[in-house]
Structures are given as C-alpha cells and as structure tokens.
Amino acid sequence: MSRIGNQPINVPPNVEVKIDENNHVVVKGPLGQLENTFHPQLKIEKEDNVIRIIRPSDEAFIKAIHGTSRAILANMVKGVTEGFTVELEIVGIGYRGAVKGKVLELQLGYSHPIEYPIPEDVKITMEGNTQIKVFGIDKQRVGQVAAEIRNFRKPDPYKGKGIRYKGEQLKLKPGKSVGKK
C-alpha cells in the first residue's frame, strides 16, 4: 500500500491548478507555471483546495507510479509557491567562481576557466567566491543543474578539494604514508 500516494495535496489559495481529461496538469503560482502529464490509469481529483491521486488497482506497476506521481504533483505545487534551492561549496586553494551575466565562470585548478551557461529556467547566484546557490521552480531541473556544476570537479577522495553540496560529509581516504612505520 502506497502511504505517500494516499496523502492529499493541499493547494494554497494563490495557486491555480487545471486538470484535463488526459491527466495533463497545469499548476500556476506566484513564481511561475509548471506542466506535467501523468499516467492515464491514475485518476486525479480536485475538491476545493485539495488534490488526491487515486489508483484503479493494486497492480505492482500502478502502485509504483502512484506515490511517485503524488510526489511530483506536490513538488509542482511547492515549486510555484516557494521554489527549490540547492547550495554548493567550492573547496580548495585558488578554487573560486563568479557569475558574469548569464554565465557561471569557475576556476577549479584547470589550465582554463570553466564557463557554464546559466539555463533560462534556473537562477544561479554566488555568495562570496565559494558559495553557489541554484534556485528554480522545478525540483528536478534544479537538482540536474546542481549535479552538472558539481561534475566539473567532484570532491577529491584524498584532500576533499572540489565542488560539493553544502553539508555533504566526505570520508577521506588515508594516504600512502599511513601504512608505513
């Protein structure tokens, strides 16, 4: 039984939700608009300011997409009201970044600066030289952009230098000299 899928989604008064017969949902809010089409076997009902997703059977596939669909729809509602933020840290001597117009420029120890064009649907800001904030209304898109930025220089397993998520705990490996006595 899907516990997540059975939970109702509360819609704030400043959010408008349109559901058509093909399970195409459009959510409009103060920050923007998101659209998604859900599986045709699921039934999406809206009563007053509550949305429920109802599954027709207990088939394994339907149970699997039931909770996922509810989570995606809840994230759409949250995205157009509050938005999503992912914070990254640049760690390492000489490693830094800056936003120049619509480009994120990163100095990560390579022989050249890395220029990442900022997508239209995401905002990237820098706090100081080493704190990157990725903000947007689509949770999946914000996470994807943050992962792309992190992939330019993943944290080194020995010294910990690179780009990491804020609060990410790294388990550093011991060097060669640990085994010598």
N, C-alpha and C. Protein backbone atom coordinates (compact mmCIF):
# COMPACT_ATOMS: atom_id res chain seq x y z
N MET A 1 0.85 -1.18 0.00
CA MET A 1 0.00 0.00 0.00
C MET A 1 0.89 1.23 0.00
N SER A 2 0.61 2.14 -0.91
CA SER A 2 1.39 3.37 -1.00
C SER A 2 0.89 4.38 0.03
N ARG A 3 1.73 4.69 0.98
CA ARG A 3 1.33 5.66 2.00
C ARG A 3 1.48 7.08 1.49
N ILE A 4 2.49 7.30 0.66
CA ILE A 4 2.69 8.63 0.10
C ILE A 4 1.58 8.94 -0.90
N GLY A 5 1.26 8.00 -1.76
CA GLY A 5 0.25 8.23 -2.79
C GLY A 5 -1.13 8.53 -2.24
N ASN A 6 -1.44 8.02 -1.06
CA ASN A 6 -2.76 8.23 -0.47
C ASN A 6 -2.90 9.57 0.23
N GLN A 7 -1.80 10.26 0.48
CA GLN A 7 -1.87 11.54 1.17
C GLN A 7 -2.43 12.62 0.24
N PRO A 8 -3.31 13.48 0.75
CA PRO A 8 -3.83 14.57 -0.07
C PRO A 8 -2.79 15.68 -0.23
N ILE A 9 -2.93 16.46 -1.30
CA ILE A 9 -2.05 17.60 -1.55
C ILE A 9 -2.87 18.86 -1.31
N ASN A 10 -2.45 19.67 -0.35
CA ASN A 10 -3.14 20.93 -0.07
C ASN A 10 -2.64 22.00 -1.02
N VAL A 11 -3.58 22.70 -1.66
CA VAL A 11 -3.25 23.74 -2.62
C VAL A 11 -3.45 25.10 -1.96
N PRO A 12 -2.41 25.94 -1.89
CA PRO A 12 -2.57 27.27 -1.32
C PRO A 12 -3.54 28.12 -2.15
N PRO A 13 -4.13 29.15 -1.55
CA PRO A 13 -5.13 29.95 -2.28
C PRO A 13 -4.56 30.71 -3.48
N ASN A 14 -3.26 31.02 -3.49
CA ASN A 14 -2.68 31.77 -4.60
C ASN A 14 -2.18 30.88 -5.73
N VAL A 15 -2.51 29.59 -5.69
CA VAL A 15 -2.10 28.65 -6.73
C VAL A 15 -3.32 28.15 -7.48
N GLU A 16 -3.20 28.12 -8.81
CA GLU A 16 -4.29 27.66 -9.67
C GLU A 16 -3.88 26.34 -10.32
N VAL A 17 -4.72 25.32 -10.20
CA VAL A 17 -4.43 24.00 -10.75
C VAL A 17 -5.51 23.64 -11.76
N LYS A 18 -5.09 23.29 -12.98
CA LYS A 18 -6.02 22.85 -14.02
C LYS A 18 -5.69 21.40 -14.38
N ILE A 19 -6.71 20.55 -14.39
CA ILE A 19 -6.54 19.14 -14.73
C ILE A 19 -7.48 18.84 -15.89
N ASP A 20 -6.93 18.32 -17.01
CA ASP A 20 -7.82 17.95 -18.11
C ASP A 20 -8.03 16.44 -18.14
N GLU A 21 -8.83 15.97 -19.09
CA GLU A 21 -9.21 14.55 -19.12
C GLU A 21 -8.05 13.63 -19.47
N ASN A 22 -6.95 14.15 -20.03
CA ASN A 22 -5.79 13.33 -20.37
C ASN A 22 -4.75 13.29 -19.26
N ASN A 23 -5.14 13.70 -18.03
CA ASN A 23 -4.24 13.78 -16.88
C ASN A 23 -3.09 14.75 -17.10
N HIS A 24 -3.33 15.76 -17.91
CA HIS A 24 -2.35 16.84 -18.09
C HIS A 24 -2.66 17.90 -17.04
N VAL A 25 -1.70 18.16 -16.17
CA VAL A 25 -1.91 19.09 -15.06
C VAL A 25 -1.07 20.34 -15.29
N VAL A 26 -1.69 21.52 -15.13
CA VAL A 26 -1.01 22.80 -15.23
C VAL A 26 -1.16 23.48 -13.87
N VAL A 27 -0.03 23.83 -13.27
CA VAL A 27 -0.02 24.49 -11.96
C VAL A 27 0.57 25.88 -12.14
N LYS A 28 -0.22 26.92 -11.81
CA LYS A 28 0.24 28.31 -11.90
C LYS A 28 0.30 28.89 -10.50
N GLY A 29 1.38 29.62 -10.23
CA GLY A 29 1.54 30.24 -8.92
C GLY A 29 2.30 31.54 -9.03
N PRO A 30 2.65 32.14 -7.90
CA PRO A 30 3.34 33.43 -7.93
C PRO A 30 4.73 33.38 -8.56
N LEU A 31 5.40 32.23 -8.56
CA LEU A 31 6.75 32.14 -9.13
C LEU A 31 6.77 31.68 -10.58
N GLY A 32 5.66 31.15 -11.09
CA GLY A 32 5.65 30.69 -12.47
C GLY A 32 4.63 29.60 -12.71
N GLN A 33 4.86 28.85 -13.79
CA GLN A 33 3.93 27.81 -14.21
C GLN A 33 4.69 26.53 -14.52
N LEU A 34 4.14 25.40 -14.09
CA LEU A 34 4.70 24.08 -14.39
C LEU A 34 3.62 23.20 -14.98
N GLU A 35 4.01 22.31 -15.90
CA GLU A 35 3.08 21.39 -16.55
C GLU A 35 3.65 19.98 -16.50
N ASN A 36 2.76 18.99 -16.40
CA ASN A 36 3.19 17.60 -16.44
C ASN A 36 1.99 16.75 -16.84
N THR A 37 2.26 15.64 -17.53
CA THR A 37 1.24 14.68 -17.88
C THR A 37 1.50 13.40 -17.09
N PHE A 38 0.47 12.93 -16.39
CA PHE A 38 0.60 11.75 -15.55
C PHE A 38 0.02 10.54 -16.25
N HIS A 39 0.30 9.36 -15.72
CA HIS A 39 -0.13 8.10 -16.31
C HIS A 39 -1.65 8.10 -16.47
N PRO A 40 -2.16 7.63 -17.63
CA PRO A 40 -3.61 7.70 -17.88
C PRO A 40 -4.45 6.81 -16.96
N GLN A 41 -3.88 5.79 -16.36
CA GLN A 41 -4.68 4.93 -15.48
C GLN A 41 -4.94 5.56 -14.12
N LEU A 42 -4.12 6.52 -13.72
CA LEU A 42 -4.34 7.20 -12.45
C LEU A 42 -5.45 8.23 -12.61
N LYS A 43 -6.20 8.44 -11.54
CA LYS A 43 -7.28 9.43 -11.56
C LYS A 43 -6.90 10.56 -10.62
N ILE A 44 -6.88 11.79 -11.14
CA ILE A 44 -6.52 12.96 -10.34
C ILE A 44 -7.80 13.76 -10.09
N GLU A 45 -8.13 13.94 -8.82
CA GLU A 45 -9.35 14.67 -8.45
C GLU A 45 -8.98 15.92 -7.66
N LYS A 46 -9.73 16.99 -7.93
CA LYS A 46 -9.53 18.23 -7.17
C LYS A 46 -10.86 18.63 -6.55
N GLU A 47 -10.86 18.74 -5.23
CA GLU A 47 -12.04 19.19 -4.50
C GLU A 47 -11.61 20.37 -3.63
N ASP A 48 -12.25 21.51 -3.80
CA ASP A 48 -11.90 22.72 -3.07
C ASP A 48 -10.40 23.00 -3.23
N ASN A 49 -9.64 22.95 -2.16
CA ASN A 49 -8.20 23.20 -2.22
C ASN A 49 -7.39 21.95 -1.90
N VAL A 50 -7.91 20.78 -2.28
CA VAL A 50 -7.24 19.51 -2.02
C VAL A 50 -7.21 18.67 -3.29
N ILE A 51 -6.03 18.13 -3.61
CA ILE A 51 -5.89 17.24 -4.77
C ILE A 51 -5.58 15.85 -4.25
N ARG A 52 -6.24 14.86 -4.84
CA ARG A 52 -5.98 13.46 -4.50
C ARG A 52 -5.69 12.68 -5.78
N ILE A 53 -4.77 11.74 -5.67
CA ILE A 53 -4.48 10.83 -6.78
C ILE A 53 -4.98 9.46 -6.38
N ILE A 54 -5.85 8.89 -7.22
CA ILE A 54 -6.49 7.61 -6.92
C ILE A 54 -6.02 6.59 -7.93
N ARG A 55 -5.62 5.42 -7.42
CA ARG A 55 -5.18 4.36 -8.33
C ARG A 55 -6.32 3.36 -8.52
N PRO A 56 -6.45 2.80 -9.73
CA PRO A 56 -7.58 1.90 -10.00
C PRO A 56 -7.40 0.49 -9.47
N SER A 57 -6.15 0.04 -9.29
CA SER A 57 -5.92 -1.34 -8.86
C SER A 57 -4.67 -1.42 -7.99
N ASP A 58 -4.42 -2.61 -7.49
CA ASP A 58 -3.23 -2.84 -6.68
C ASP A 58 -2.13 -3.55 -7.47
N GLU A 59 -2.16 -3.38 -8.77
CA GLU A 59 -1.12 -3.93 -9.63
C GLU A 59 0.23 -3.28 -9.26
N ALA A 60 1.30 -4.04 -9.35
CA ALA A 60 2.61 -3.57 -8.89
C ALA A 60 3.04 -2.28 -9.60
N PHE A 61 2.88 -2.21 -10.90
CA PHE A 61 3.29 -1.01 -11.64
C PHE A 61 2.48 0.21 -11.23
N ILE A 62 1.19 0.03 -11.08
CA ILE A 62 0.31 1.15 -10.69
C ILE A 62 0.67 1.62 -9.28
N LYS A 63 0.96 0.69 -8.39
CA LYS A 63 1.36 1.07 -7.03
C LYS A 63 2.68 1.85 -7.07
N ALA A 64 3.57 1.46 -7.98
CA ALA A 64 4.87 2.11 -8.07
C ALA A 64 4.74 3.56 -8.54
N ILE A 65 3.88 3.81 -9.53
CA ILE A 65 3.77 5.18 -10.03
C ILE A 65 2.80 6.03 -9.21
N HIS A 66 2.02 5.41 -8.34
CA HIS A 66 1.06 6.14 -7.52
C HIS A 66 1.77 7.14 -6.60
N GLY A 67 2.71 6.65 -5.80
CA GLY A 67 3.43 7.52 -4.88
C GLY A 67 4.33 8.51 -5.61
N THR A 68 4.95 8.06 -6.69
CA THR A 68 5.82 8.93 -7.47
C THR A 68 5.03 10.09 -8.07
N SER A 69 3.87 9.79 -8.61
CA SER A 69 3.04 10.83 -9.23
C SER A 69 2.57 11.84 -8.19
N ARG A 70 2.21 11.36 -7.01
CA ARG A 70 1.78 12.26 -5.94
C ARG A 70 2.93 13.17 -5.52
N ALA A 71 4.15 12.61 -5.40
CA ALA A 71 5.31 13.41 -5.00
C ALA A 71 5.65 14.46 -6.06
N ILE A 72 5.55 14.10 -7.33
CA ILE A 72 5.83 15.05 -8.42
C ILE A 72 4.82 16.18 -8.39
N LEU A 73 3.54 15.85 -8.22
CA LEU A 73 2.49 16.88 -8.18
C LEU A 73 2.66 17.79 -6.96
N ALA A 74 3.01 17.22 -5.81
CA ALA A 74 3.24 18.03 -4.61
C ALA A 74 4.44 18.95 -4.80
N ASN A 75 5.49 18.47 -5.48
CA ASN A 75 6.65 19.30 -5.76
C ASN A 75 6.33 20.41 -6.75
N MET A 76 5.40 20.16 -7.67
CA MET A 76 4.98 21.21 -8.60
C MET A 76 4.28 22.33 -7.83
N VAL A 77 3.40 21.96 -6.90
CA VAL A 77 2.68 22.97 -6.10
C VAL A 77 3.67 23.74 -5.23
N LYS A 78 4.60 23.03 -4.59
CA LYS A 78 5.59 23.70 -3.74
C LYS A 78 6.52 24.59 -4.58
N GLY A 79 6.87 24.14 -5.77
CA GLY A 79 7.79 24.89 -6.62
C GLY A 79 7.24 26.23 -7.06
N VAL A 80 5.95 26.29 -7.42
CA VAL A 80 5.39 27.56 -7.88
C VAL A 80 5.07 28.50 -6.73
N THR A 81 5.09 28.02 -5.48
CA THR A 81 4.86 28.90 -4.33
C THR A 81 6.16 29.31 -3.67
N GLU A 82 7.05 28.35 -3.37
CA GLU A 82 8.29 28.64 -2.64
C GLU A 82 9.53 28.51 -3.51
N GLY A 83 9.55 27.57 -4.42
CA GLY A 83 10.74 27.29 -5.21
C GLY A 83 11.67 26.34 -4.47
N PHE A 84 12.73 25.92 -5.14
CA PHE A 84 13.70 24.99 -4.58
C PHE A 84 15.10 25.58 -4.71
N THR A 85 15.92 25.33 -3.69
CA THR A 85 17.29 25.84 -3.68
C THR A 85 18.24 24.70 -3.35
N VAL A 86 19.33 24.62 -4.11
CA VAL A 86 20.42 23.70 -3.81
C VAL A 86 21.67 24.55 -3.65
N GLU A 87 22.39 24.33 -2.55
CA GLU A 87 23.60 25.09 -2.28
C GLU A 87 24.82 24.22 -2.48
N LEU A 88 25.84 24.78 -3.13
CA LEU A 88 27.09 24.09 -3.39
C LEU A 88 28.23 24.88 -2.77
N GLU A 89 29.31 24.19 -2.39
CA GLU A 89 30.50 24.83 -1.85
C GLU A 89 31.69 24.48 -2.74
N ILE A 90 32.54 25.47 -2.99
CA ILE A 90 33.79 25.22 -3.71
C ILE A 90 34.88 25.18 -2.65
N VAL A 91 35.61 24.06 -2.57
CA VAL A 91 36.65 23.87 -1.56
C VAL A 91 37.98 23.64 -2.27
N GLY A 92 38.98 24.41 -1.91
CA GLY A 92 40.32 24.24 -2.47
C GLY A 92 41.01 25.58 -2.63
N ILE A 93 42.32 25.58 -2.46
CA ILE A 93 43.09 26.82 -2.59
C ILE A 93 43.08 27.25 -4.05
N GLY A 94 42.68 28.49 -4.27
CA GLY A 94 42.63 29.03 -5.63
C GLY A 94 41.36 28.68 -6.38
N TYR A 95 40.49 27.85 -5.81
CA TYR A 95 39.24 27.49 -6.46
C TYR A 95 38.23 28.59 -6.14
N ARG A 96 37.56 29.10 -7.17
CA ARG A 96 36.56 30.15 -6.96
C ARG A 96 35.62 30.19 -8.15
N GLY A 97 34.57 30.98 -7.98
CA GLY A 97 33.60 31.14 -9.05
C GLY A 97 33.03 32.53 -9.06
N ALA A 98 32.38 32.89 -10.17
CA ALA A 98 31.73 34.19 -10.30
C ALA A 98 30.65 34.08 -11.36
N VAL A 99 29.58 34.85 -11.16
CA VAL A 99 28.53 34.92 -12.16
C VAL A 99 28.79 36.17 -12.99
N LYS A 100 28.96 35.98 -14.29
CA LYS A 100 29.21 37.10 -15.20
C LYS A 100 28.11 37.09 -16.26
N GLY A 101 27.10 37.93 -16.05
CA GLY A 101 25.97 37.97 -16.97
C GLY A 101 25.17 36.68 -16.87
N LYS A 102 25.09 35.95 -17.98
CA LYS A 102 24.34 34.69 -17.99
C LYS A 102 25.28 33.49 -18.01
N VAL A 103 26.49 33.68 -17.45
CA VAL A 103 27.50 32.62 -17.44
C VAL A 103 28.07 32.48 -16.04
N LEU A 104 28.19 31.23 -15.58
CA LEU A 104 28.88 30.94 -14.33
C LEU A 104 30.31 30.57 -14.69
N GLU A 105 31.27 31.37 -14.22
CA GLU A 105 32.67 31.13 -14.53
C GLU A 105 33.35 30.53 -13.31
N LEU A 106 33.97 29.37 -13.48
CA LEU A 106 34.59 28.64 -12.38
C LEU A 106 36.08 28.46 -12.63
N GLN A 107 36.90 28.75 -11.60
CA GLN A 107 38.34 28.48 -11.62
C GLN A 107 38.54 27.28 -10.70
N LEU A 108 38.82 26.12 -11.28
CA LEU A 108 38.87 24.88 -10.49
C LEU A 108 40.20 24.14 -10.62
N GLY A 109 41.28 24.86 -10.82
CA GLY A 109 42.58 24.23 -10.88
C GLY A 109 42.96 23.70 -12.25
N TYR A 110 42.11 23.89 -13.22
CA TYR A 110 42.46 23.51 -14.59
C TYR A 110 43.24 24.65 -15.23
N SER A 111 43.78 24.43 -16.42
CA SER A 111 44.56 25.46 -17.10
C SER A 111 43.67 26.56 -17.68
N HIS A 112 42.38 26.37 -17.64
CA HIS A 112 41.45 27.33 -18.22
C HIS A 112 40.23 27.47 -17.30
N PRO A 113 39.57 28.62 -17.35
CA PRO A 113 38.32 28.74 -16.58
C PRO A 113 37.19 27.96 -17.26
N ILE A 114 36.28 27.43 -16.45
CA ILE A 114 35.13 26.71 -16.98
C ILE A 114 33.96 27.68 -17.04
N GLU A 115 33.35 27.81 -18.20
CA GLU A 115 32.20 28.70 -18.36
C GLU A 115 30.96 27.86 -18.56
N TYR A 116 30.01 27.98 -17.62
CA TYR A 116 28.76 27.22 -17.66
C TYR A 116 27.63 28.18 -17.96
N PRO A 117 26.98 28.08 -19.13
CA PRO A 117 25.85 28.97 -19.43
C PRO A 117 24.67 28.66 -18.51
N ILE A 118 24.15 29.69 -17.86
CA ILE A 118 23.05 29.52 -16.91
C ILE A 118 21.75 29.31 -17.70
N PRO A 119 21.03 28.20 -17.44
CA PRO A 119 19.76 27.97 -18.15
C PRO A 119 18.73 29.04 -17.81
N GLU A 120 17.78 29.24 -18.72
CA GLU A 120 16.75 30.28 -18.55
C GLU A 120 15.83 30.01 -17.35
N ASP A 121 15.55 28.74 -17.07
CA ASP A 121 14.57 28.41 -16.02
C ASP A 121 15.19 28.28 -14.62
N VAL A 122 16.48 28.60 -14.48
CA VAL A 122 17.17 28.48 -13.20
C VAL A 122 17.95 29.76 -12.93
N LYS A 123 18.01 30.16 -11.65
CA LYS A 123 18.82 31.30 -11.25
C LYS A 123 20.02 30.79 -10.46
N ILE A 124 21.21 31.27 -10.80
CA ILE A 124 22.41 30.90 -10.07
C ILE A 124 23.01 32.17 -9.50
N THR A 125 23.28 32.15 -8.19
CA THR A 125 23.90 33.30 -7.54
C THR A 125 25.12 32.80 -6.76
N MET A 126 26.04 33.72 -6.52
CA MET A 126 27.24 33.42 -5.74
C MET A 126 27.24 34.26 -4.48
N GLU A 127 27.54 33.63 -3.36
CA GLU A 127 27.77 34.36 -2.11
C GLU A 127 29.25 34.25 -1.83
N GLY A 128 29.96 35.34 -1.98
CA GLY A 128 31.42 35.28 -1.88
C GLY A 128 31.96 34.61 -3.13
N ASN A 129 33.13 34.01 -3.01
CA ASN A 129 33.75 33.32 -4.16
C ASN A 129 33.44 31.84 -4.19
N THR A 130 32.95 31.30 -3.05
CA THR A 130 32.91 29.85 -2.94
C THR A 130 31.53 29.26 -2.66
N GLN A 131 30.50 30.06 -2.53
CA GLN A 131 29.16 29.55 -2.25
C GLN A 131 28.28 29.75 -3.47
N ILE A 132 27.77 28.66 -4.04
CA ILE A 132 26.91 28.72 -5.21
C ILE A 132 25.49 28.35 -4.77
N LYS A 133 24.51 29.17 -5.17
CA LYS A 133 23.10 28.85 -4.91
C LYS A 133 22.38 28.68 -6.24
N VAL A 134 21.72 27.54 -6.39
CA VAL A 134 20.93 27.24 -7.59
C VAL A 134 19.47 27.28 -7.16
N PHE A 135 18.66 28.14 -7.79
CA PHE A 135 17.26 28.32 -7.42
C PHE A 135 16.39 28.17 -8.65
N GLY A 136 15.23 27.51 -8.48
CA GLY A 136 14.27 27.38 -9.56
C GLY A 136 12.96 26.81 -9.04
N ILE A 137 11.96 26.72 -9.93
CA ILE A 137 10.66 26.22 -9.50
C ILE A 137 10.50 24.72 -9.78
N ASP A 138 11.32 24.16 -10.66
CA ASP A 138 11.23 22.73 -11.00
C ASP A 138 12.32 21.99 -10.22
N LYS A 139 11.91 21.14 -9.28
CA LYS A 139 12.87 20.45 -8.41
C LYS A 139 13.84 19.59 -9.20
N GLN A 140 13.36 18.88 -10.19
CA GLN A 140 14.21 18.01 -10.99
C GLN A 140 15.25 18.83 -11.74
N ARG A 141 14.84 19.95 -12.30
CA ARG A 141 15.75 20.80 -13.08
C ARG A 141 16.83 21.43 -12.19
N VAL A 142 16.45 21.88 -10.99
CA VAL A 142 17.40 22.48 -10.06
C VAL A 142 18.45 21.44 -9.66
N GLY A 143 18.01 20.22 -9.35
CA GLY A 143 18.93 19.16 -8.99
C GLY A 143 19.85 18.77 -10.13
N GLN A 144 19.33 18.77 -11.35
CA GLN A 144 20.14 18.42 -12.52
C GLN A 144 21.22 19.46 -12.77
N VAL A 145 20.87 20.76 -12.67
CA VAL A 145 21.85 21.82 -12.88
C VAL A 145 22.93 21.76 -11.80
N ALA A 146 22.53 21.54 -10.54
CA ALA A 146 23.50 21.43 -9.45
C ALA A 146 24.44 20.25 -9.67
N ALA A 147 23.91 19.13 -10.16
CA ALA A 147 24.74 17.95 -10.42
C ALA A 147 25.73 18.22 -11.56
N GLU A 148 25.29 18.96 -12.59
CA GLU A 148 26.18 19.30 -13.70
C GLU A 148 27.33 20.18 -13.22
N ILE A 149 27.02 21.16 -12.35
CA ILE A 149 28.07 22.03 -11.83
C ILE A 149 29.04 21.23 -10.97
N ARG A 150 28.52 20.33 -10.14
CA ARG A 150 29.37 19.52 -9.26
C ARG A 150 30.29 18.62 -10.07
N ASN A 151 29.84 18.16 -11.24
CA ASN A 151 30.64 17.25 -12.06
C ASN A 151 31.85 17.91 -12.69
N PHE A 152 31.93 19.24 -12.68
CA PHE A 152 33.13 19.90 -13.23
C PHE A 152 34.36 19.56 -12.40
N ARG A 153 34.20 19.39 -11.09
CA ARG A 153 35.31 18.98 -10.22
C ARG A 153 34.70 18.33 -8.99
N LYS A 154 34.51 17.01 -9.05
CA LYS A 154 33.97 16.29 -7.90
C LYS A 154 34.99 16.33 -6.76
N PRO A 155 34.52 16.21 -5.52
CA PRO A 155 35.46 16.25 -4.40
C PRO A 155 36.51 15.14 -4.49
N ASP A 156 37.76 15.53 -4.28
CA ASP A 156 38.88 14.60 -4.29
C ASP A 156 38.79 13.69 -3.07
N PRO A 157 38.92 12.37 -3.23
CA PRO A 157 38.77 11.49 -2.07
C PRO A 157 39.93 11.56 -1.07
N TYR A 158 41.06 12.20 -1.43
CA TYR A 158 42.20 12.29 -0.53
C TYR A 158 42.28 13.62 0.21
N LYS A 159 42.09 14.72 -0.51
CA LYS A 159 42.19 16.04 0.13
C LYS A 159 40.83 16.73 0.31
N GLY A 160 39.81 16.28 -0.41
CA GLY A 160 38.47 16.86 -0.28
C GLY A 160 38.27 18.10 -1.13
N LYS A 161 39.22 18.43 -2.02
CA LYS A 161 39.09 19.61 -2.86
C LYS A 161 38.08 19.35 -3.98
N GLY A 162 37.33 20.39 -4.35
CA GLY A 162 36.37 20.27 -5.44
C GLY A 162 35.06 20.95 -5.09
N ILE A 163 34.02 20.62 -5.82
CA ILE A 163 32.70 21.20 -5.58
C ILE A 163 31.85 20.14 -4.89
N ARG A 164 31.24 20.52 -3.78
CA ARG A 164 30.39 19.59 -3.03
C ARG A 164 29.09 20.28 -2.64
N TYR A 165 28.09 19.46 -2.34
CA TYR A 165 26.84 20.00 -1.82
C TYR A 165 27.08 20.55 -0.42
N LYS A 166 26.37 21.60 -0.06
CA LYS A 166 26.55 22.17 1.28
C LYS A 166 26.11 21.13 2.31
N GLY A 167 26.97 20.89 3.28
CA GLY A 167 26.68 19.92 4.32
C GLY A 167 27.05 18.49 3.95
N GLU A 168 27.57 18.26 2.75
CA GLU A 168 27.95 16.91 2.33
C GLU A 168 29.15 16.43 3.15
N GLN A 169 29.05 15.26 3.72
CA GLN A 169 30.13 14.69 4.52
C GLN A 169 30.96 13.77 3.63
N LEU A 170 32.25 14.04 3.59
CA LEU A 170 33.15 13.21 2.80
C LEU A 170 33.96 12.32 3.73
N LYS A 171 34.15 11.09 3.33
CA LYS A 171 35.04 10.21 4.08
C LYS A 171 36.34 10.18 3.30
N LEU A 172 37.35 10.90 3.83
CA LEU A 172 38.62 10.99 3.13
C LEU A 172 39.44 9.72 3.31
N LYS A 173 40.10 9.32 2.22
CA LYS A 173 40.94 8.13 2.27
C LYS A 173 42.30 8.49 2.88
N PRO A 174 42.91 7.54 3.59
CA PRO A 174 44.24 7.81 4.11
C PRO A 174 45.26 7.73 2.95
N GLY A 175 46.34 8.48 3.06
CA GLY A 175 47.36 8.48 2.01
C GLY A 175 48.28 7.27 2.12
N LYS A 176 49.34 7.24 1.29
CA LYS A 176 50.27 6.13 1.28
C LYS A 176 51.04 5.98 2.58
N SER A 177 51.33 7.12 3.21
CA SER A 177 52.23 7.09 4.37
C SER A 177 51.57 6.49 5.62
N VAL A 178 50.27 6.23 5.60
CA VAL A 178 49.60 5.69 6.77
C VAL A 178 50.09 4.29 7.09
N GLY A 179 50.36 3.48 6.08
CA GLY A 179 50.74 2.10 6.30
C GLY A 179 52.20 1.94 6.76
N LYS A 180 53.05 2.95 6.56
CA LYS A 180 54.48 2.87 6.92
C LYS A 180 54.68 3.11 8.40
N LYS A 181 55.67 2.43 8.98
CA LYS A 181 56.00 2.65 10.41
C LYS A 181 57.44 2.94 10.59
